[in-house]
Amino acid sequence: MSTLLHISASPRGAASESRAIAATFLDAYRDTHPDDEIVEWDLWDGTLPAFGPPAAAAKMAVFAGADPQGDEALAWRAAIDTFRRFDAADRYLFSVPMWNAGVPYILKQFIDVVSQPGLVFGFDPERGYSGLLQGKKAAVVYTSAVYGPGRGLPFGADFQRPYFDDWLRWTGIDDVTGIELRPDLATADADTGRRAAHAAARDVGKTF
């Protein structure tokens, strides 16, 4: 039995295009993986810890081979607990809307909290980084209201998918499938793209 963790970075609830496409994926996944566990994690639910000065100091202490102390130790424990919640799954579904050409800040916060030495990555001075999340796979729903491939710079640029796909592969997750709906608002025919995105979500969900 596998555990699929759905991580949503959209705060828009039922109005969210990315969450709606994710729901289609999950319905198809349930039909073909009835014994698997599905866990939902709304990044806006208040459980994601901050990553401020104590956490940053703790990270650098661990990177240098030292043990965090005091407030830094508490911040480090919160980061480890968050990582373990993430690492408990072996399959991931992310709902990622585009915000200002990139990802929502809450998703960047999640990345900064869990991306810790000895947890998500290893580092060798000669060989560089190595991803530690082996044997996992991810599907990502990418949406944007205005940006679309080939629309030109007046309609925005994509720093969303390249950034997030790169982060996943940096962690060691190299089996990554993207599902896109773009644009979903500033277009004369959003419904055609919406139907195609939901169809893709069903297809990926069945075989994921």
N, C-alpha and C. Protein backbone atom coordinates (compact mmCIF):
# COMPACT_ATOMS: atom_id res chain seq x y z
N MET A 1 0.84 -1.20 0.00
CA MET A 1 0.00 0.00 0.00
C MET A 1 0.87 1.25 0.00
N SER A 2 0.50 2.23 -0.82
CA SER A 2 1.21 3.49 -0.89
C SER A 2 0.41 4.59 -0.20
N THR A 3 1.11 5.66 0.15
CA THR A 3 0.47 6.85 0.70
C THR A 3 0.66 8.00 -0.27
N LEU A 4 -0.44 8.58 -0.72
CA LEU A 4 -0.42 9.74 -1.60
C LEU A 4 -0.74 10.98 -0.77
N LEU A 5 0.15 11.95 -0.77
CA LEU A 5 -0.05 13.20 -0.05
C LEU A 5 -0.37 14.30 -1.04
N HIS A 6 -1.56 14.91 -0.87
CA HIS A 6 -1.93 16.05 -1.71
C HIS A 6 -1.60 17.32 -0.94
N ILE A 7 -0.69 18.11 -1.48
CA ILE A 7 -0.29 19.38 -0.88
C ILE A 7 -0.84 20.51 -1.74
N SER A 8 -1.72 21.32 -1.15
CA SER A 8 -2.34 22.41 -1.90
C SER A 8 -1.74 23.75 -1.48
N ALA A 9 -1.31 24.52 -2.48
CA ALA A 9 -0.77 25.85 -2.23
C ALA A 9 -1.76 26.95 -2.57
N SER A 10 -3.01 26.60 -2.88
CA SER A 10 -4.02 27.60 -3.22
C SER A 10 -4.90 27.91 -2.01
N PRO A 11 -5.12 29.20 -1.73
CA PRO A 11 -6.00 29.57 -0.62
C PRO A 11 -7.46 29.79 -1.04
N ARG A 12 -7.82 29.43 -2.27
CA ARG A 12 -9.11 29.85 -2.84
C ARG A 12 -10.22 28.84 -2.67
N GLY A 13 -9.94 27.73 -1.99
CA GLY A 13 -11.00 26.77 -1.70
C GLY A 13 -11.69 26.25 -2.94
N ALA A 14 -13.03 26.26 -2.91
CA ALA A 14 -13.81 25.72 -4.02
C ALA A 14 -13.66 26.54 -5.30
N ALA A 15 -13.16 27.78 -5.20
CA ALA A 15 -12.98 28.62 -6.38
C ALA A 15 -11.65 28.35 -7.08
N SER A 16 -10.83 27.48 -6.53
CA SER A 16 -9.49 27.24 -7.05
C SER A 16 -9.51 26.29 -8.24
N GLU A 17 -8.94 26.71 -9.35
CA GLU A 17 -8.82 25.84 -10.51
C GLU A 17 -7.87 24.68 -10.22
N SER A 18 -6.73 24.97 -9.56
CA SER A 18 -5.75 23.91 -9.31
C SER A 18 -6.31 22.85 -8.37
N ARG A 19 -7.08 23.27 -7.37
CA ARG A 19 -7.68 22.30 -6.45
C ARG A 19 -8.76 21.47 -7.14
N ALA A 20 -9.50 22.07 -8.05
CA ALA A 20 -10.54 21.34 -8.78
C ALA A 20 -9.91 20.26 -9.66
N ILE A 21 -8.83 20.60 -10.34
CA ILE A 21 -8.14 19.61 -11.18
C ILE A 21 -7.55 18.52 -10.30
N ALA A 22 -7.00 18.90 -9.15
CA ALA A 22 -6.47 17.90 -8.21
C ALA A 22 -7.56 16.97 -7.74
N ALA A 23 -8.77 17.48 -7.51
CA ALA A 23 -9.88 16.64 -7.07
C ALA A 23 -10.23 15.61 -8.15
N THR A 24 -10.18 16.00 -9.42
CA THR A 24 -10.41 15.05 -10.51
C THR A 24 -9.35 13.96 -10.50
N PHE A 25 -8.08 14.35 -10.32
CA PHE A 25 -6.98 13.40 -10.21
C PHE A 25 -7.25 12.42 -9.07
N LEU A 26 -7.62 12.94 -7.91
CA LEU A 26 -7.81 12.09 -6.73
C LEU A 26 -8.98 11.13 -6.90
N ASP A 27 -10.05 11.56 -7.55
CA ASP A 27 -11.18 10.66 -7.81
C ASP A 27 -10.73 9.48 -8.67
N ALA A 28 -9.96 9.77 -9.71
CA ALA A 28 -9.48 8.70 -10.57
C ALA A 28 -8.50 7.81 -9.83
N TYR A 29 -7.66 8.41 -9.01
CA TYR A 29 -6.67 7.63 -8.24
C TYR A 29 -7.37 6.67 -7.28
N ARG A 30 -8.40 7.16 -6.60
CA ARG A 30 -9.13 6.30 -5.66
C ARG A 30 -9.74 5.10 -6.37
N ASP A 31 -10.25 5.31 -7.56
CA ASP A 31 -10.90 4.22 -8.30
C ASP A 31 -9.91 3.11 -8.65
N THR A 32 -8.68 3.48 -8.95
CA THR A 32 -7.70 2.48 -9.40
C THR A 32 -6.70 2.08 -8.32
N HIS A 33 -6.73 2.77 -7.17
CA HIS A 33 -5.83 2.45 -6.06
C HIS A 33 -6.64 2.39 -4.76
N PRO A 34 -7.63 1.51 -4.69
CA PRO A 34 -8.56 1.53 -3.54
C PRO A 34 -7.89 1.23 -2.20
N ASP A 35 -6.75 0.60 -2.20
CA ASP A 35 -6.09 0.26 -0.94
C ASP A 35 -5.09 1.30 -0.48
N ASP A 36 -4.83 2.31 -1.30
CA ASP A 36 -3.86 3.34 -0.93
C ASP A 36 -4.48 4.37 0.00
N GLU A 37 -3.64 4.97 0.82
CA GLU A 37 -4.08 6.05 1.71
C GLU A 37 -3.86 7.39 1.03
N ILE A 38 -4.85 8.27 1.11
CA ILE A 38 -4.75 9.62 0.57
C ILE A 38 -4.82 10.60 1.74
N VAL A 39 -3.81 11.46 1.83
CA VAL A 39 -3.73 12.44 2.91
C VAL A 39 -3.75 13.84 2.30
N GLU A 40 -4.54 14.73 2.88
CA GLU A 40 -4.65 16.10 2.39
C GLU A 40 -3.86 17.05 3.31
N TRP A 41 -3.13 17.98 2.71
CA TRP A 41 -2.40 18.99 3.46
C TRP A 41 -2.60 20.33 2.78
N ASP A 42 -3.43 21.17 3.39
CA ASP A 42 -3.64 22.54 2.94
C ASP A 42 -2.57 23.40 3.59
N LEU A 43 -1.65 23.93 2.81
CA LEU A 43 -0.55 24.71 3.38
C LEU A 43 -1.02 25.97 4.09
N TRP A 44 -2.28 26.36 3.87
CA TRP A 44 -2.82 27.55 4.51
C TRP A 44 -3.54 27.24 5.82
N ASP A 45 -3.41 26.01 6.32
CA ASP A 45 -4.18 25.64 7.52
C ASP A 45 -3.53 26.07 8.84
N GLY A 46 -2.40 26.76 8.78
CA GLY A 46 -1.76 27.28 9.98
C GLY A 46 -0.76 26.35 10.63
N THR A 47 -0.55 25.17 10.08
CA THR A 47 0.37 24.21 10.70
C THR A 47 1.80 24.33 10.21
N LEU A 48 2.04 25.13 9.18
CA LEU A 48 3.38 25.27 8.63
C LEU A 48 4.17 26.26 9.49
N PRO A 49 5.30 25.83 10.07
CA PRO A 49 6.05 26.75 10.94
C PRO A 49 6.76 27.83 10.14
N ALA A 50 7.07 28.92 10.83
CA ALA A 50 7.86 29.98 10.21
C ALA A 50 9.30 29.52 10.04
N PHE A 51 10.00 30.15 9.10
CA PHE A 51 11.42 29.88 8.94
C PHE A 51 12.15 31.22 9.00
N GLY A 52 12.37 31.67 10.25
CA GLY A 52 12.99 32.97 10.48
C GLY A 52 14.40 32.84 11.01
N PRO A 53 14.86 33.86 11.76
CA PRO A 53 16.25 33.86 12.23
C PRO A 53 16.67 32.62 13.02
N PRO A 54 15.88 32.13 14.01
CA PRO A 54 16.33 30.93 14.73
C PRO A 54 16.46 29.72 13.81
N ALA A 55 15.51 29.53 12.89
CA ALA A 55 15.55 28.37 11.99
C ALA A 55 16.73 28.48 11.03
N ALA A 56 16.96 29.69 10.50
CA ALA A 56 18.08 29.87 9.57
C ALA A 56 19.42 29.61 10.28
N ALA A 57 19.53 30.08 11.53
CA ALA A 57 20.75 29.84 12.29
C ALA A 57 20.93 28.36 12.59
N ALA A 58 19.82 27.68 12.88
CA ALA A 58 19.89 26.24 13.16
C ALA A 58 20.35 25.48 11.92
N LYS A 59 19.83 25.85 10.76
CA LYS A 59 20.22 25.18 9.53
C LYS A 59 21.72 25.32 9.28
N MET A 60 22.24 26.51 9.46
CA MET A 60 23.65 26.72 9.21
C MET A 60 24.52 26.03 10.26
N ALA A 61 24.00 25.93 11.50
CA ALA A 61 24.73 25.19 12.53
C ALA A 61 24.83 23.72 12.15
N VAL A 62 23.71 23.14 11.72
CA VAL A 62 23.71 21.73 11.33
C VAL A 62 24.60 21.53 10.10
N PHE A 63 24.53 22.46 9.16
CA PHE A 63 25.37 22.37 7.96
C PHE A 63 26.85 22.34 8.34
N ALA A 64 27.19 23.05 9.43
CA ALA A 64 28.58 23.12 9.88
C ALA A 64 28.96 21.99 10.83
N GLY A 65 27.99 21.11 11.13
CA GLY A 65 28.27 19.97 12.00
C GLY A 65 28.04 20.23 13.47
N ALA A 66 27.37 21.35 13.81
CA ALA A 66 27.10 21.69 15.21
C ALA A 66 25.65 21.35 15.56
N ASP A 67 25.34 21.36 16.86
CA ASP A 67 23.99 21.10 17.34
C ASP A 67 23.32 22.43 17.71
N PRO A 68 22.13 22.71 17.15
CA PRO A 68 21.42 23.93 17.52
C PRO A 68 21.06 23.93 19.01
N GLN A 69 21.02 25.11 19.60
CA GLN A 69 20.71 25.25 21.01
C GLN A 69 19.59 26.27 21.20
N GLY A 70 18.87 26.15 22.33
CA GLY A 70 17.86 27.14 22.70
C GLY A 70 16.76 27.27 21.67
N ASP A 71 16.46 28.55 21.30
CA ASP A 71 15.40 28.81 20.31
C ASP A 71 15.72 28.17 18.97
N GLU A 72 17.01 28.09 18.66
CA GLU A 72 17.40 27.46 17.41
C GLU A 72 17.05 25.98 17.40
N ALA A 73 17.22 25.32 18.54
CA ALA A 73 16.88 23.90 18.63
C ALA A 73 15.38 23.68 18.48
N LEU A 74 14.58 24.60 19.05
CA LEU A 74 13.12 24.49 18.91
C LEU A 74 12.71 24.67 17.44
N ALA A 75 13.31 25.64 16.78
CA ALA A 75 12.99 25.87 15.37
C ALA A 75 13.41 24.68 14.52
N TRP A 76 14.55 24.09 14.86
CA TRP A 76 15.04 22.93 14.12
C TRP A 76 14.10 21.74 14.30
N ARG A 77 13.59 21.55 15.52
CA ARG A 77 12.65 20.47 15.78
C ARG A 77 11.38 20.66 14.96
N ALA A 78 10.89 21.90 14.85
CA ALA A 78 9.69 22.17 14.06
C ALA A 78 9.93 21.84 12.59
N ALA A 79 11.12 22.17 12.08
CA ALA A 79 11.44 21.86 10.69
C ALA A 79 11.51 20.35 10.47
N ILE A 80 12.12 19.62 11.42
CA ILE A 80 12.19 18.16 11.30
C ILE A 80 10.80 17.53 11.32
N ASP A 81 9.95 18.01 12.22
CA ASP A 81 8.58 17.46 12.30
C ASP A 81 7.82 17.70 11.00
N THR A 82 8.01 18.87 10.41
CA THR A 82 7.35 19.17 9.14
C THR A 82 7.89 18.28 8.04
N PHE A 83 9.20 18.10 8.02
CA PHE A 83 9.79 17.20 7.03
C PHE A 83 9.23 15.79 7.18
N ARG A 84 9.12 15.29 8.38
CA ARG A 84 8.64 13.93 8.59
C ARG A 84 7.20 13.78 8.11
N ARG A 85 6.40 14.82 8.30
CA ARG A 85 5.03 14.79 7.78
C ARG A 85 5.04 14.66 6.26
N PHE A 86 5.96 15.36 5.63
CA PHE A 86 6.12 15.30 4.17
C PHE A 86 6.69 13.96 3.74
N ASP A 87 7.71 13.50 4.41
CA ASP A 87 8.44 12.29 4.01
C ASP A 87 7.64 11.01 4.25
N ALA A 88 6.57 11.10 5.04
CA ALA A 88 5.77 9.91 5.35
C ALA A 88 5.07 9.34 4.11
N ALA A 89 4.94 10.14 3.07
CA ALA A 89 4.30 9.69 1.82
C ALA A 89 5.35 9.25 0.82
N ASP A 90 4.94 8.40 -0.10
CA ASP A 90 5.84 8.02 -1.19
C ASP A 90 5.35 8.52 -2.54
N ARG A 91 4.15 9.10 -2.56
CA ARG A 91 3.62 9.70 -3.78
C ARG A 91 3.04 11.06 -3.41
N TYR A 92 3.19 12.03 -4.32
CA TYR A 92 2.76 13.39 -4.02
C TYR A 92 1.93 13.96 -5.17
N LEU A 93 0.93 14.73 -4.79
CA LEU A 93 0.18 15.55 -5.73
C LEU A 93 0.22 16.97 -5.19
N PHE A 94 0.71 17.91 -6.01
CA PHE A 94 0.79 19.31 -5.61
C PHE A 94 -0.17 20.14 -6.46
N SER A 95 -0.90 21.03 -5.81
CA SER A 95 -1.73 22.01 -6.52
C SER A 95 -1.01 23.35 -6.44
N VAL A 96 -0.56 23.87 -7.60
CA VAL A 96 0.32 25.03 -7.61
C VAL A 96 -0.21 26.10 -8.58
N PRO A 97 -0.93 27.09 -8.08
CA PRO A 97 -1.30 28.21 -8.94
C PRO A 97 -0.11 29.14 -9.15
N MET A 98 -0.14 29.89 -10.24
CA MET A 98 0.92 30.88 -10.49
C MET A 98 0.57 32.17 -9.78
N TRP A 99 1.54 32.69 -9.03
CA TRP A 99 1.43 34.00 -8.40
C TRP A 99 2.59 34.86 -8.90
N ASN A 100 2.27 35.94 -9.61
CA ASN A 100 3.30 36.88 -10.05
C ASN A 100 4.47 36.17 -10.73
N ALA A 101 4.13 35.30 -11.65
CA ALA A 101 5.06 34.54 -12.48
C ALA A 101 5.75 33.40 -11.73
N GLY A 102 5.55 33.29 -10.41
CA GLY A 102 6.18 32.24 -9.62
C GLY A 102 5.17 31.42 -8.84
N VAL A 103 5.60 30.91 -7.69
CA VAL A 103 4.73 30.08 -6.86
C VAL A 103 4.23 30.90 -5.68
N PRO A 104 3.10 30.52 -5.07
CA PRO A 104 2.63 31.22 -3.87
C PRO A 104 3.69 31.19 -2.76
N TYR A 105 3.75 32.26 -1.98
CA TYR A 105 4.78 32.35 -0.95
C TYR A 105 4.66 31.24 0.08
N ILE A 106 3.46 30.73 0.29
CA ILE A 106 3.29 29.65 1.28
C ILE A 106 3.99 28.38 0.81
N LEU A 107 4.04 28.14 -0.49
CA LEU A 107 4.77 26.99 -1.02
C LEU A 107 6.27 27.20 -0.89
N LYS A 108 6.74 28.41 -1.14
CA LYS A 108 8.16 28.71 -0.92
C LYS A 108 8.52 28.52 0.56
N GLN A 109 7.62 28.91 1.44
CA GLN A 109 7.85 28.70 2.88
C GLN A 109 7.97 27.22 3.19
N PHE A 110 7.08 26.41 2.62
CA PHE A 110 7.15 24.96 2.81
C PHE A 110 8.50 24.43 2.33
N ILE A 111 8.92 24.86 1.15
CA ILE A 111 10.20 24.41 0.60
C ILE A 111 11.34 24.79 1.53
N ASP A 112 11.32 26.02 2.04
CA ASP A 112 12.40 26.48 2.91
C ASP A 112 12.41 25.74 4.24
N VAL A 113 11.25 25.32 4.73
CA VAL A 113 11.18 24.60 6.00
C VAL A 113 11.72 23.18 5.86
N VAL A 114 11.33 22.47 4.80
CA VAL A 114 11.69 21.06 4.71
C VAL A 114 13.05 20.82 4.05
N SER A 115 13.58 21.80 3.33
CA SER A 115 14.82 21.59 2.58
C SER A 115 16.03 21.73 3.50
N GLN A 116 16.28 20.69 4.26
CA GLN A 116 17.32 20.73 5.28
C GLN A 116 18.40 19.69 5.02
N PRO A 117 19.64 20.00 5.43
CA PRO A 117 20.74 19.04 5.25
C PRO A 117 20.51 17.77 6.06
N GLY A 118 20.77 16.65 5.42
CA GLY A 118 20.58 15.36 6.06
C GLY A 118 19.15 14.86 6.01
N LEU A 119 18.23 15.71 5.54
CA LEU A 119 16.82 15.32 5.43
C LEU A 119 16.43 15.25 3.95
N VAL A 120 16.45 16.40 3.29
CA VAL A 120 16.10 16.46 1.86
C VAL A 120 17.35 16.34 0.99
N PHE A 121 18.47 16.85 1.48
CA PHE A 121 19.67 16.83 0.64
C PHE A 121 20.92 16.52 1.45
N GLY A 122 21.88 15.94 0.73
CA GLY A 122 23.22 15.81 1.25
C GLY A 122 24.13 16.73 0.47
N PHE A 123 25.33 16.97 0.99
CA PHE A 123 26.25 17.86 0.30
C PHE A 123 27.68 17.37 0.47
N ASP A 124 28.39 17.34 -0.64
CA ASP A 124 29.80 16.99 -0.64
C ASP A 124 30.58 18.15 -1.27
N PRO A 125 31.67 18.62 -0.62
CA PRO A 125 32.39 19.77 -1.15
C PRO A 125 32.91 19.58 -2.57
N GLU A 126 33.13 18.34 -2.97
CA GLU A 126 33.65 18.09 -4.32
C GLU A 126 32.55 17.73 -5.32
N ARG A 127 31.53 17.03 -4.84
CA ARG A 127 30.48 16.55 -5.75
C ARG A 127 29.22 17.42 -5.73
N GLY A 128 29.08 18.27 -4.73
CA GLY A 128 27.91 19.13 -4.64
C GLY A 128 26.74 18.47 -3.94
N TYR A 129 25.54 18.87 -4.32
CA TYR A 129 24.32 18.39 -3.68
C TYR A 129 23.93 16.99 -4.17
N SER A 130 23.23 16.27 -3.30
CA SER A 130 22.60 15.00 -3.69
C SER A 130 21.23 14.94 -3.02
N GLY A 131 20.21 14.59 -3.80
CA GLY A 131 18.85 14.48 -3.27
C GLY A 131 18.67 13.19 -2.48
N LEU A 132 18.02 13.30 -1.33
CA LEU A 132 17.87 12.14 -0.44
C LEU A 132 16.47 11.51 -0.50
N LEU A 133 15.56 12.10 -1.26
CA LEU A 133 14.19 11.56 -1.34
C LEU A 133 14.11 10.58 -2.51
N GLN A 134 14.52 9.38 -2.25
CA GLN A 134 14.58 8.36 -3.30
C GLN A 134 13.33 7.50 -3.29
N GLY A 135 12.98 6.93 -4.47
CA GLY A 135 11.86 6.02 -4.58
C GLY A 135 10.49 6.68 -4.49
N LYS A 136 10.43 7.99 -4.71
CA LYS A 136 9.15 8.71 -4.64
C LYS A 136 8.79 9.27 -6.01
N LYS A 137 7.54 9.69 -6.18
CA LYS A 137 7.10 10.28 -7.44
C LYS A 137 6.12 11.40 -7.15
N ALA A 138 5.98 12.31 -8.11
CA ALA A 138 5.12 13.47 -7.91
C ALA A 138 4.35 13.81 -9.16
N ALA A 139 3.13 14.28 -8.96
CA ALA A 139 2.34 14.92 -10.01
C ALA A 139 2.05 16.34 -9.55
N VAL A 140 2.11 17.28 -10.48
CA VAL A 140 1.93 18.69 -10.13
C VAL A 140 0.90 19.32 -11.06
N VAL A 141 -0.11 19.95 -10.46
CA VAL A 141 -1.09 20.71 -11.23
C VAL A 141 -0.64 22.17 -11.26
N TYR A 142 -0.34 22.66 -12.45
CA TYR A 142 0.08 24.04 -12.64
C TYR A 142 -1.04 24.83 -13.31
N THR A 143 -1.44 25.94 -12.70
CA THR A 143 -2.45 26.80 -13.31
C THR A 143 -1.94 28.23 -13.35
N SER A 144 -2.49 29.00 -14.29
CA SER A 144 -2.20 30.43 -14.37
C SER A 144 -3.39 31.12 -15.00
N ALA A 145 -3.67 32.33 -14.53
CA ALA A 145 -4.84 33.06 -15.02
C ALA A 145 -4.57 33.75 -16.35
N VAL A 146 -3.36 34.28 -16.52
CA VAL A 146 -3.03 35.09 -17.70
C VAL A 146 -1.93 34.46 -18.54
N TYR A 147 -0.87 33.98 -17.90
CA TYR A 147 0.25 33.41 -18.64
C TYR A 147 -0.17 32.17 -19.42
N GLY A 148 0.39 32.04 -20.61
CA GLY A 148 0.23 30.83 -21.40
C GLY A 148 1.39 30.71 -22.37
N PRO A 149 1.82 29.50 -22.69
CA PRO A 149 2.94 29.32 -23.61
C PRO A 149 2.68 30.01 -24.95
N GLY A 150 3.65 30.75 -25.42
CA GLY A 150 3.53 31.40 -26.72
C GLY A 150 2.75 32.69 -26.73
N ARG A 151 2.30 33.17 -25.57
CA ARG A 151 1.49 34.39 -25.55
C ARG A 151 2.34 35.66 -25.56
N GLY A 152 3.63 35.54 -25.32
CA GLY A 152 4.49 36.71 -25.32
C GLY A 152 4.64 37.33 -23.95
N LEU A 153 5.69 38.13 -23.77
CA LEU A 153 6.00 38.71 -22.46
C LEU A 153 4.92 39.63 -21.89
N PRO A 154 4.10 40.33 -22.71
CA PRO A 154 3.03 41.13 -22.13
C PRO A 154 2.05 40.30 -21.30
N PHE A 155 2.04 38.97 -21.50
CA PHE A 155 1.15 38.09 -20.74
C PHE A 155 1.90 37.35 -19.63
N GLY A 156 3.13 37.76 -19.37
CA GLY A 156 3.86 37.19 -18.25
C GLY A 156 4.88 36.15 -18.69
N ALA A 157 5.64 35.67 -17.70
CA ALA A 157 6.67 34.65 -17.92
C ALA A 157 6.47 33.54 -16.91
N ASP A 158 7.11 32.41 -17.15
CA ASP A 158 6.94 31.24 -16.29
C ASP A 158 8.19 30.98 -15.46
N PHE A 159 8.15 31.44 -14.20
CA PHE A 159 9.16 31.05 -13.21
C PHE A 159 8.56 30.09 -12.20
N GLN A 160 7.37 29.59 -12.51
CA GLN A 160 6.62 28.70 -11.62
C GLN A 160 7.04 27.25 -11.83
N ARG A 161 6.75 26.71 -13.01
CA ARG A 161 7.07 25.30 -13.25
C ARG A 161 8.57 25.03 -13.29
N PRO A 162 9.39 25.84 -13.97
CA PRO A 162 10.83 25.54 -13.94
C PRO A 162 11.39 25.50 -12.52
N TYR A 163 10.95 26.43 -11.68
CA TYR A 163 11.45 26.46 -10.31
C TYR A 163 11.01 25.24 -9.52
N PHE A 164 9.72 24.91 -9.58
CA PHE A 164 9.23 23.82 -8.74
C PHE A 164 9.67 22.46 -9.26
N ASP A 165 9.66 22.28 -10.57
CA ASP A 165 10.17 21.02 -11.12
C ASP A 165 11.64 20.82 -10.73
N ASP A 166 12.41 21.91 -10.79
CA ASP A 166 13.82 21.81 -10.43
C ASP A 166 13.98 21.45 -8.95
N TRP A 167 13.16 22.06 -8.09
CA TRP A 167 13.25 21.72 -6.66
C TRP A 167 12.94 20.25 -6.42
N LEU A 168 11.91 19.73 -7.06
CA LEU A 168 11.56 18.32 -6.88
C LEU A 168 12.73 17.43 -7.28
N ARG A 169 13.32 17.70 -8.41
CA ARG A 169 14.43 16.86 -8.87
C ARG A 169 15.67 17.05 -7.99
N TRP A 170 15.86 18.24 -7.46
CA TRP A 170 16.97 18.49 -6.53
C TRP A 170 16.82 17.65 -5.26
N THR A 171 15.59 17.40 -4.84
CA THR A 171 15.36 16.59 -3.64
C THR A 171 15.61 15.11 -3.88
N GLY A 172 15.67 14.71 -5.16
CA GLY A 172 15.80 13.30 -5.50
C GLY A 172 14.56 12.71 -6.14
N ILE A 173 13.48 13.50 -6.22
CA ILE A 173 12.24 13.03 -6.87
C ILE A 173 12.35 13.34 -8.36
N ASP A 174 12.73 12.35 -9.15
CA ASP A 174 12.92 12.60 -10.58
C ASP A 174 11.80 12.05 -11.45
N ASP A 175 10.80 11.40 -10.83
CA ASP A 175 9.62 10.94 -11.55
C ASP A 175 8.53 11.99 -11.33
N VAL A 176 8.44 12.96 -12.23
CA VAL A 176 7.56 14.12 -12.07
C VAL A 176 6.67 14.26 -13.30
N THR A 177 5.36 14.37 -13.08
CA THR A 177 4.39 14.56 -14.15
C THR A 177 3.66 15.87 -13.93
N GLY A 178 3.61 16.72 -14.96
CA GLY A 178 2.91 17.99 -14.86
C GLY A 178 1.58 17.96 -15.59
N ILE A 179 0.59 18.64 -15.00
CA ILE A 179 -0.73 18.82 -15.61
C ILE A 179 -0.99 20.32 -15.62
N GLU A 180 -1.25 20.89 -16.77
CA GLU A 180 -1.33 22.35 -16.89
C GLU A 180 -2.70 22.82 -17.35
N LEU A 181 -3.13 23.95 -16.77
CA LEU A 181 -4.26 24.73 -17.29
C LEU A 181 -3.80 26.18 -17.33
N ARG A 182 -3.50 26.66 -18.52
CA ARG A 182 -3.01 28.03 -18.68
C ARG A 182 -3.27 28.54 -20.09
N PRO A 183 -3.90 29.72 -20.16
CA PRO A 183 -4.47 30.48 -19.05
C PRO A 183 -5.88 30.00 -18.72
N ASP A 184 -6.34 30.32 -17.52
CA ASP A 184 -7.70 29.90 -17.14
C ASP A 184 -8.65 31.08 -16.98
N LEU A 185 -8.18 32.28 -17.23
CA LEU A 185 -9.04 33.46 -17.06
C LEU A 185 -8.99 34.39 -18.26
N ALA A 186 -7.82 34.89 -18.59
CA ALA A 186 -7.68 35.89 -19.66
C ALA A 186 -7.59 35.21 -21.02
N THR A 187 -8.67 34.57 -21.41
CA THR A 187 -8.74 33.89 -22.69
C THR A 187 -10.20 33.79 -23.11
N ALA A 188 -10.43 33.75 -24.41
CA ALA A 188 -11.80 33.67 -24.91
C ALA A 188 -12.39 32.28 -24.75
N ASP A 189 -11.56 31.26 -24.54
CA ASP A 189 -12.06 29.89 -24.50
C ASP A 189 -11.36 29.10 -23.39
N ALA A 190 -11.61 29.47 -22.15
CA ALA A 190 -11.00 28.77 -21.03
C ALA A 190 -11.57 27.36 -20.89
N ASP A 191 -12.81 27.15 -21.30
CA ASP A 191 -13.45 25.85 -21.09
C ASP A 191 -12.74 24.72 -21.84
N THR A 192 -12.24 25.02 -23.03
CA THR A 192 -11.53 23.97 -23.79
C THR A 192 -10.29 23.52 -23.03
N GLY A 193 -9.51 24.48 -22.56
CA GLY A 193 -8.33 24.14 -21.78
C GLY A 193 -8.68 23.46 -20.47
N ARG A 194 -9.77 23.89 -19.86
CA ARG A 194 -10.20 23.29 -18.59
C ARG A 194 -10.58 21.83 -18.79
N ARG A 195 -11.34 21.54 -19.83
CA ARG A 195 -11.71 20.15 -20.11
C ARG A 195 -10.48 19.29 -20.38
N ALA A 196 -9.52 19.84 -21.11
CA ALA A 196 -8.31 19.09 -21.41
C ALA A 196 -7.50 18.83 -20.15
N ALA A 197 -7.43 19.81 -19.25
CA ALA A 197 -6.68 19.63 -18.02
C ALA A 197 -7.33 18.58 -17.12
N HIS A 198 -8.64 18.59 -17.02
CA HIS A 198 -9.33 17.59 -16.20
C HIS A 198 -9.19 16.19 -16.81
N ALA A 199 -9.23 16.13 -18.13
CA ALA A 199 -9.04 14.83 -18.79
C ALA A 199 -7.63 14.30 -18.52
N ALA A 200 -6.64 15.19 -18.60
CA ALA A 200 -5.26 14.78 -18.31
C ALA A 200 -5.13 14.32 -16.86
N ALA A 201 -5.80 15.03 -15.95
CA ALA A 201 -5.75 14.67 -14.53
C ALA A 201 -6.34 13.29 -14.30
N ARG A 202 -7.45 12.99 -14.99
CA ARG A 202 -8.05 11.64 -14.85
C ARG A 202 -7.09 10.57 -15.37
N ASP A 203 -6.49 10.84 -16.51
CA ASP A 203 -5.59 9.85 -17.09
C ASP A 203 -4.37 9.59 -16.20
N VAL A 204 -3.77 10.68 -15.68
CA VAL A 204 -2.60 10.50 -14.82
C VAL A 204 -3.00 9.85 -13.50
N GLY A 205 -4.14 10.26 -12.96
CA GLY A 205 -4.60 9.69 -11.69
C GLY A 205 -4.84 8.19 -11.76
N LYS A 206 -5.30 7.70 -12.88
CA LYS A 206 -5.58 6.28 -13.03
C LYS A 206 -4.31 5.44 -12.99
N THR A 207 -3.23 5.97 -13.52
CA THR A 207 -2.01 5.18 -13.69
C THR A 207 -0.87 5.60 -12.78
N PHE A 208 -1.11 6.57 -11.94
CA PHE A 208 -0.05 7.15 -11.13
C PHE A 208 0.47 6.14 -10.10
